[in-house]
Every structure is written in C-alpha cells, then in structure tokens.
Protein backbone atom coordinates (compact mmCIF):
# COMPACT_ATOMS: atom_id res chain seq x y z
CA MET A 1 -23.33 -3.78 1.87
CA ASN A 2 -24.99 -0.60 3.18
CA GLN A 3 -24.01 1.79 0.65
CA GLU A 4 -24.67 4.71 3.15
CA LYS A 5 -22.08 3.62 5.49
CA THR A 6 -19.47 2.84 2.71
CA THR A 7 -16.98 5.44 1.71
CA TYR A 8 -14.54 4.65 -1.45
CA ILE A 9 -11.17 6.08 -1.39
CA LYS A 10 -9.27 6.59 -4.65
CA PHE A 11 -5.63 6.37 -3.80
CA PHE A 12 -3.93 7.46 -6.99
CA ALA A 13 -0.66 8.65 -5.78
CA PRO A 14 2.79 7.65 -4.69
CA VAL A 15 3.43 6.84 -0.99
CA VAL A 16 4.89 9.96 0.50
CA PRO A 17 4.11 12.05 3.75
CA GLU A 18 1.74 14.22 1.93
CA THR A 19 -0.48 11.36 0.38
CA ILE A 20 -0.48 9.11 3.33
CA ASN A 21 -1.40 11.83 5.76
CA ALA A 22 -4.26 13.03 3.25
CA LEU A 23 -5.27 9.36 3.54
CA MET A 24 -5.58 9.03 7.30
CA ASN A 25 -6.95 12.48 7.83
CA VAL A 26 -9.91 11.46 5.30
CA VAL A 27 -10.21 7.74 7.23
CA ASP A 28 -10.45 9.86 10.48
CA HIS A 29 -13.03 12.16 9.19
CA LYS A 30 -15.15 9.47 7.68
CA VAL A 31 -14.76 7.09 10.46
CA ILE A 32 -15.23 9.29 13.59
CA LYS A 33 -17.32 12.09 12.24
CA GLU A 34 -19.58 10.41 9.50
CA GLU A 35 -19.54 6.95 11.55
CA ILE A 36 -18.79 5.14 8.32
CA LYS A 37 -18.38 1.35 8.87
CA HIS A 38 -16.48 0.26 5.30
CA ILE A 39 -14.01 1.86 3.64
CA VAL A 40 -12.86 0.67 0.25
CA LEU A 41 -9.51 1.69 -0.71
CA LEU A 42 -9.04 1.88 -4.48
CA ILE A 43 -5.24 1.76 -5.03
CA SER A 44 -3.01 2.65 -7.82
CA THR A 45 0.47 3.45 -6.70
CA PRO A 46 4.13 3.25 -7.77
CA GLY A 47 5.35 2.47 -4.20
CA GLY A 48 7.37 5.03 -2.12
CA ASN A 49 8.21 5.46 1.55
CA VAL A 50 8.37 2.46 3.45
CA PHE A 51 7.99 4.08 6.72
CA HIS A 52 4.93 5.68 5.59
CA GLY A 53 3.37 2.65 3.82
CA LEU A 54 4.01 0.44 6.95
CA SER A 55 2.55 2.96 9.18
CA ALA A 56 -0.54 3.31 7.04
CA TYR A 57 -0.92 -0.61 6.83
CA ASN A 58 -1.04 -0.88 10.67
CA TYR A 59 -3.44 2.18 11.05
CA LEU A 60 -5.70 0.41 8.35
CA LYS A 61 -5.38 -2.68 10.13
CA GLY A 62 -6.22 -1.21 13.67
CA LEU A 63 -9.64 0.23 12.41
CA PRO A 64 -12.72 -0.86 13.91
CA ILE A 65 -14.12 -1.08 10.48
CA LYS A 66 -13.95 -3.17 7.54
CA VAL A 67 -11.61 -2.14 5.04
CA THR A 68 -11.55 -3.66 1.42
CA THR A 69 -8.63 -2.64 -1.12
CA HIS A 70 -8.84 -2.88 -4.64
CA ASN A 71 -5.85 -2.44 -7.31
CA PHE A 72 -7.24 -0.54 -9.99
CA GLY A 73 -3.82 -0.25 -11.62
CA SER A 74 -0.49 -1.23 -9.96
CA ALA A 75 0.16 -2.02 -6.14
CA ASP A 76 3.81 -1.70 -6.49
CA SER A 77 6.55 -1.79 -4.04
CA ILE A 78 5.48 -0.74 -0.63
CA GLY A 79 2.00 -0.14 -2.29
CA SER A 80 1.67 -4.14 -2.22
CA VAL A 81 1.90 -3.66 1.69
CA LEU A 82 -0.94 -0.91 1.76
CA PHE A 83 -2.90 -3.05 -0.56
CA CYS A 84 -2.34 -6.12 2.02
CA ALA A 85 -4.34 -3.89 4.44
CA GLY A 86 -7.79 -4.96 3.07
CA GLU A 87 -9.93 -7.96 4.99
CA GLU A 88 -11.03 -8.13 1.47
CA ARG A 89 -8.45 -7.76 -1.22
CA LEU A 90 -9.74 -7.39 -4.96
CA SER A 91 -8.04 -6.36 -8.29
CA VAL A 92 -9.19 -5.43 -11.91
CA PRO A 93 -8.43 -7.53 -14.42
CA HIS A 94 -5.54 -5.72 -15.93
CA ALA A 95 -3.28 -4.61 -12.96
CA ARG A 96 -0.12 -5.47 -11.63
CA PHE A 97 1.60 -6.13 -8.24
CA LEU A 98 5.30 -5.54 -7.73
CA LEU A 99 7.23 -7.12 -4.67
CA HIS A 100 10.89 -6.04 -4.47
CA GLY A 101 13.52 -5.35 -1.77
CA VAL A 102 14.13 -2.02 0.16
CA GLN A 103 16.71 0.29 -0.85
CA MET A 104 18.71 3.00 0.91
CA SER A 105 19.74 6.38 -0.87
CA ILE A 106 23.03 7.99 0.32
CA ASN A 107 23.81 11.34 -0.77
CA GLN A 108 27.40 11.65 -2.24
CA ASN A 109 29.01 13.90 0.32
CA ILE A 110 27.78 11.82 3.56
CA ALA A 111 30.32 10.09 5.50
CA PHE A 112 29.51 7.33 7.78
CA GLU A 113 31.42 5.59 10.72
CA GLU A 114 31.36 1.73 11.09
CA ASP A 115 28.66 1.81 13.70
CA GLN A 116 26.42 4.17 11.75
CA LEU A 117 26.70 1.83 8.82
CA ASP A 118 25.73 -1.05 10.81
CA GLU A 119 22.64 0.89 12.21
CA LYS A 120 21.67 1.81 8.52
CA LEU A 121 22.14 -1.84 7.46
CA LYS A 122 20.28 -3.05 10.65
CA SER A 123 17.25 -0.78 9.68
CA LEU A 124 17.50 -1.96 6.30
CA ARG A 125 17.00 -5.42 7.18
CA ILE A 126 14.15 -4.88 9.58
CA ASP A 127 12.27 -2.87 6.78
CA VAL A 128 12.59 -5.87 4.83
CA ARG A 129 11.57 -8.39 7.47
CA ASN A 130 8.57 -6.24 8.22
CA ILE A 131 7.45 -6.02 4.67
CA SER A 132 7.79 -9.70 4.22
CA LYS A 133 6.11 -10.61 7.34
CA VAL A 134 3.08 -8.35 6.12
CA ILE A 135 2.94 -10.44 2.69
CA ALA A 136 3.44 -13.62 4.49
CA ASP A 137 0.67 -13.26 6.98
CA THR A 138 -1.56 -12.32 4.25
CA THR A 139 -0.79 -14.58 1.65
CA GLY A 140 -0.30 -17.75 3.83
CA LYS A 141 3.51 -17.93 2.25
CA ASN A 142 6.65 -18.92 4.22
CA ILE A 143 8.24 -15.74 4.86
CA ASP A 144 11.60 -16.73 3.50
CA LYS A 145 9.74 -17.73 0.08
CA VAL A 146 8.49 -13.89 0.20
CA VAL A 147 11.91 -12.34 0.73
CA GLU A 148 13.23 -14.70 -1.97
CA ASP A 149 10.46 -13.35 -4.23
CA MET A 150 11.15 -9.65 -3.21
CA ARG A 151 14.89 -10.32 -4.03
CA LYS A 152 13.95 -11.65 -7.32
CA ARG A 153 11.72 -8.36 -8.03
CA THR A 154 8.56 -10.41 -8.79
CA THR A 155 5.83 -9.07 -10.88
CA LEU A 156 2.57 -10.61 -10.72
CA ASN A 157 -0.77 -9.96 -12.84
CA PRO A 158 -3.95 -10.14 -11.22
CA GLU A 159 -4.52 -14.03 -11.91
CA GLU A 160 -0.76 -14.77 -10.46
CA ALA A 161 -1.42 -12.43 -7.63
CA LYS A 162 -4.88 -14.48 -6.96
CA GLU A 163 -2.79 -17.97 -6.77
CA TYR A 164 -0.27 -16.39 -4.77
CA GLY A 165 -2.79 -15.52 -2.06
CA LEU A 166 -2.43 -11.60 -2.37
CA VAL A 167 -5.83 -11.11 -4.35
CA GLN A 168 -9.08 -12.76 -3.49
CA GLU A 169 -11.35 -11.76 -6.33
CA ILE A 170 -10.67 -10.12 -9.79
CA ARG A 171 -13.61 -7.63 -10.56
CA SER A 172 -13.71 -4.81 -12.82
CA GLU A 173 -16.19 -2.77 -10.92
CA LEU A 174 -14.78 -0.35 -8.46
CA TYR A 175 -17.93 1.08 -6.83
CA PRO A 176 -21.66 1.41 -7.52
CA GLU A 177 -23.10 4.63 -9.06
CA GLY A 178 -23.79 7.18 -6.52
CA ALA A 179 -21.08 6.03 -4.49
CA ASP A 180 -19.29 8.46 -1.87
CA VAL A 181 -15.71 8.85 -3.41
CA VAL A 182 -12.95 10.72 -2.14
CA SER A 183 -9.82 11.22 -4.46
CA ILE A 184 -6.19 11.43 -3.10
CA GLN A 185 -3.95 12.50 -5.73
CA PHE A 186 -0.38 13.51 -5.52
CA GLU A 187 -0.06 17.39 -6.86
CA SER A 188 3.38 17.68 -7.55
CA GLN A 189 5.14 21.15 -7.62
CA PRO A 190 5.10 23.00 -11.20
CA SER A 191 8.42 23.60 -12.35
CA PRO A 192 9.83 27.34 -12.13
CA GLN A 193 9.34 28.98 -15.14
CA LYS A 194 12.63 30.59 -16.69
C-alpha cells in the first residue's frame, strides 16, 4: 500500500447531516485536490440518519478509488451500512455491530390523513429494504435473512461479524506511523448556562 496515496479518516460521530457533509467534503478534497487513491474510513458510530447513511454509502461505493472500512468501536444501525461501503472491511478485536429495523418519529401534535400514513409506511419499508439489500449484497446472505436479523436487533462481535460476512479481517492496528489522518467528530452545542 502506498502510504503517500492513502488517507485515514477517523469518523467518530453519529450519522447526521453535519458529520456526513464533513465526511464527503474531506473525501472530495482528498480525491480531487490531493489525488489520493485509497481512503481508509475508521468508523465508530452509534448510527443515526438513514437518508444520510445510505447517501454516504452510495457516494463511497461510487468513488474511483479503493475504500477500506475499519470498525474501531461500534458500527451500529445505519453505521453498519456505512461500514459496508468498504471494498476491504476490517474490525478491531473488541468492537460490535448492531443490525436493527428502521423507526419513524412522530411529534405529538401532528395529524395525518390515511394517504399520508400510507406514504410514511411505504417510505419506512423502502428504507428497510435498501438497508437489508446493502447488507445482503455485502455478506452474500439472503435478503429475507437480513430483514429477520434486523427485526431481532442482532448484535455481533467481530468474530460473529466475520462469520456473518460483514468483516473480512480482525486487526488491531488502525494506521501506520506517520499516516495522514483526518478526524471527523460531532461537536454538540453546549447547554445554555443559567
């Protein structure tokens, strides 16, 4: 691996608009401006937004470079989909993967007509299908098996994730000495002082 043409991006954050925008901006800069040929995405995320997670997965899969993903803590929820973007998928020995269904939040004072509820339910089902298809395509599992595992809220350790087909290799080392490392973290707003 040519270290000069590899960038390591530490994504230690939830999958939310701010962090995914930051990730894509870093990737754009590294690929276009610096002509990097290999990105290693170091992931530890509690998951988050399905729209942004699927968009980031599709973006990473469509790049004309090699993408490796490495779970260094947790690849939970939509984070597992982000992890699947790697052509090569690694995990540290003490990590976890969480597969679960998609939920929809509804504010208390919102009223829906029947057609609107049908539309929301259809969107929810499409999200479940897209997520399960990504995981099935990555692991070689049957899509119905993945949907069932998501409904059961399946949690896997690295060895189980390797057997499942998510992980290809368990490796502690994240990057070599002197590597180009960029960090993306979520900076929450401080609580107002009273």
